[in-house]
Amino acid sequence: MIEGEIVELEGLRFTPAGLARVACKIRHSSLQQEAGMQRQVQCDIPALALGEAAQQISRLQPGQRVMAEGFLAQRSLKISQLVLHINNVTLR
């Protein structure tokens, strides 16, 4: 799970098989403990949703805070960049 703000949101598209698909970017910002000290953490996470999760995300707007659940996977066989594949999203 990751909590953050939607900072980029592509329009809803459909795969050749007719499955809803939407890509977005989530900005996470938090305070974390590391080696006994507090550390400010901020990162932009590329994310992808398919099916019902894509339908949910397509109704959101940039700037909205969300909690996203899913898993990390490589973008493709040739591109090793990690992408969060969202299974469920809720507003915060």
C-alpha atoms as a PDB file:
ATOM      1  CA  MET A   1       0.000   0.000   0.000  1.00  0.00           C
ATOM      2  CA  ILE A   2       1.102   3.540  -0.707  1.00  0.00           C
ATOM      3  CA  GLU A   3      -0.555   6.809   0.185  1.00  0.00           C
ATOM      4  CA  GLY A   4      -0.050   9.912  -1.900  1.00  0.00           C
ATOM      5  CA  GLU A   5      -1.368  12.567  -4.238  1.00  0.00           C
ATOM      6  CA  ILE A   6      -2.220  11.980  -7.877  1.00  0.00           C
ATOM      7  CA  VAL A   7       0.078  14.322  -9.832  1.00  0.00           C
ATOM      8  CA  GLU A   8      -0.425  12.976 -13.370  1.00  0.00           C
ATOM      9  CA  LEU A   9      -3.395  11.126 -14.829  1.00  0.00           C
ATOM     10  CA  GLU A  10      -3.791   9.822 -18.369  1.00  0.00           C
ATOM     11  CA  GLY A  11      -7.214   9.420 -19.912  1.00  0.00           C
ATOM     12  CA  LEU A  12      -9.014   6.094 -19.772  1.00  0.00           C
ATOM     13  CA  ARG A  13      -8.036   3.800 -22.647  1.00  0.00           C
ATOM     14  CA  PHE A  14      -8.835   0.221 -23.567  1.00  0.00           C
ATOM     15  CA  THR A  15      -6.525  -2.667 -24.413  1.00  0.00           C
ATOM     16  CA  PRO A  16      -7.075  -4.594 -27.678  1.00  0.00           C
ATOM     17  CA  ALA A  17      -8.933  -7.168 -25.537  1.00  0.00           C
ATOM     18  CA  GLY A  18     -11.329  -4.426 -24.343  1.00  0.00           C
ATOM     19  CA  LEU A  19      -9.928  -4.116 -20.804  1.00  0.00           C
ATOM     20  CA  ALA A  20      -9.998  -0.619 -19.259  1.00  0.00           C
ATOM     21  CA  ARG A  21      -6.500   0.819 -18.649  1.00  0.00           C
ATOM     22  CA  VAL A  22      -5.247   4.030 -17.062  1.00  0.00           C
ATOM     23  CA  ALA A  23      -1.746   5.203 -16.134  1.00  0.00           C
ATOM     24  CA  CYS A  24      -0.988   7.763 -13.456  1.00  0.00           C
ATOM     25  CA  LYS A  25       1.750   9.051 -11.188  1.00  0.00           C
ATOM     26  CA  ILE A  26       1.388   9.173  -7.400  1.00  0.00           C
ATOM     27  CA  ARG A  27       3.539  11.497  -5.265  1.00  0.00           C
ATOM     28  CA  HIS A  28       4.291   9.974  -1.857  1.00  0.00           C
ATOM     29  CA  SER A  29       5.605  12.145   0.980  1.00  0.00           C
ATOM     30  CA  SER A  30       6.173  11.010   4.583  1.00  0.00           C
ATOM     31  CA  LEU A  31       8.477  10.980   7.597  1.00  0.00           C
ATOM     32  CA  GLN A  32      10.277   7.658   8.124  1.00  0.00           C
ATOM     33  CA  GLN A  33      12.637   6.293  10.757  1.00  0.00           C
ATOM     34  CA  GLU A  34      16.073   5.267   9.501  1.00  0.00           C
ATOM     35  CA  ALA A  35      19.053   4.429  11.730  1.00  0.00           C
ATOM     36  CA  GLY A  36      17.284   6.022  14.709  1.00  0.00           C
ATOM     37  CA  MET A  37      16.664   9.331  12.931  1.00  0.00           C
ATOM     38  CA  GLN A  38      13.663  10.839  11.167  1.00  0.00           C
ATOM     39  CA  ARG A  39      13.971  11.260   7.436  1.00  0.00           C
ATOM     40  CA  GLN A  40      11.686  13.145   5.036  1.00  0.00           C
ATOM     41  CA  VAL A  41      10.861  10.887   2.084  1.00  0.00           C
ATOM     42  CA  GLN A  42       9.330  12.030  -1.202  1.00  0.00           C
ATOM     43  CA  CYS A  43       9.048  10.132  -4.470  1.00  0.00           C
ATOM     44  CA  ASP A  44       6.906  10.012  -7.604  1.00  0.00           C
ATOM     45  CA  ILE A  45       5.644   6.507  -8.345  1.00  0.00           C
ATOM     46  CA  PRO A  46       4.499   5.538 -11.836  1.00  0.00           C
ATOM     47  CA  ALA A  47       1.334   3.454 -11.600  1.00  0.00           C
ATOM     48  CA  LEU A  48      -0.984   1.483 -13.867  1.00  0.00           C
ATOM     49  CA  ALA A  49      -4.495   0.182 -13.276  1.00  0.00           C
ATOM     50  CA  LEU A  50      -6.586  -2.240 -15.303  1.00  0.00           C
ATOM     51  CA  GLY A  51     -10.244  -3.236 -15.187  1.00  0.00           C
ATOM     52  CA  GLU A  52     -12.384  -1.916 -12.307  1.00  0.00           C
ATOM     53  CA  ALA A  53      -9.402  -0.172 -10.662  1.00  0.00           C
ATOM     54  CA  ALA A  54      -8.851   1.750 -13.926  1.00  0.00           C
ATOM     55  CA  GLN A  55     -12.509   2.801 -13.932  1.00  0.00           C
ATOM     56  CA  GLN A  56     -12.150   4.053 -10.314  1.00  0.00           C
ATOM     57  CA  ILE A  57      -8.970   6.026 -11.015  1.00  0.00           C
ATOM     58  CA  SER A  58     -10.335   7.563 -14.218  1.00  0.00           C
ATOM     59  CA  ARG A  59     -12.968   9.365 -12.103  1.00  0.00           C
ATOM     60  CA  LEU A  60     -10.295  11.048  -9.944  1.00  0.00           C
ATOM     61  CA  GLN A  61      -8.546  14.377 -10.496  1.00  0.00           C
ATOM     62  CA  PRO A  62      -4.903  15.417 -10.100  1.00  0.00           C
ATOM     63  CA  GLY A  63      -4.375  16.754  -6.586  1.00  0.00           C
ATOM     64  CA  GLN A  64      -6.589  14.173  -4.897  1.00  0.00           C
ATOM     65  CA  ARG A  65      -5.022  12.077  -2.111  1.00  0.00           C
ATOM     66  CA  VAL A  66      -5.403   8.312  -2.430  1.00  0.00           C
ATOM     67  CA  MET A  67      -4.411   5.040  -0.814  1.00  0.00           C
ATOM     68  CA  ALA A  68      -3.379   2.591  -3.534  1.00  0.00           C
ATOM     69  CA  GLU A  69      -2.982  -1.171  -3.060  1.00  0.00           C
ATOM     70  CA  GLY A  70      -1.234  -3.410  -5.546  1.00  0.00           C
ATOM     71  CA  PHE A  71       2.117  -4.847  -6.513  1.00  0.00           C
ATOM     72  CA  LEU A  72       5.374  -3.739  -8.125  1.00  0.00           C
ATOM     73  CA  ALA A  73       6.464  -5.108 -11.494  1.00  0.00           C
ATOM     74  CA  GLN A  74       8.897  -4.197 -14.268  1.00  0.00           C
ATOM     75  CA  ARG A  75       7.488  -1.886 -16.924  1.00  0.00           C
ATOM     76  CA  SER A  76       8.265  -4.520 -19.576  1.00  0.00           C
ATOM     77  CA  LEU A  77      10.670  -7.342 -20.373  1.00  0.00           C
ATOM     78  CA  LYS A  78      13.201  -4.844 -21.738  1.00  0.00           C
ATOM     79  CA  ILE A  79      12.610  -1.916 -19.343  1.00  0.00           C
ATOM     80  CA  SER A  80      13.425  -2.655 -15.713  1.00  0.00           C
ATOM     81  CA  GLN A  81      11.777   0.493 -14.278  1.00  0.00           C
ATOM     82  CA  LEU A  82       9.306  -0.451 -11.524  1.00  0.00           C
ATOM     83  CA  VAL A  83       5.614   0.369 -11.903  1.00  0.00           C
ATOM     84  CA  LEU A  84       2.929   0.047  -9.232  1.00  0.00           C
ATOM     85  CA  HIS A  85       0.073  -2.088 -10.602  1.00  0.00           C
ATOM     86  CA  ILE A  86      -2.986  -0.892  -8.681  1.00  0.00           C
ATOM     87  CA  ASN A  87      -5.642  -3.419  -7.661  1.00  0.00           C
ATOM     88  CA  ASN A  88      -7.645  -1.095  -5.401  1.00  0.00           C
ATOM     89  CA  VAL A  89      -7.715   2.638  -4.726  1.00  0.00           C
ATOM     90  CA  THR A  90      -9.539   4.671  -2.066  1.00  0.00           C
ATOM     91  CA  LEU A  91      -9.736   8.419  -1.437  1.00  0.00           C
ATOM     92  CA  ARG A  92      -7.982   9.742   1.695  1.00  0.00           C
END
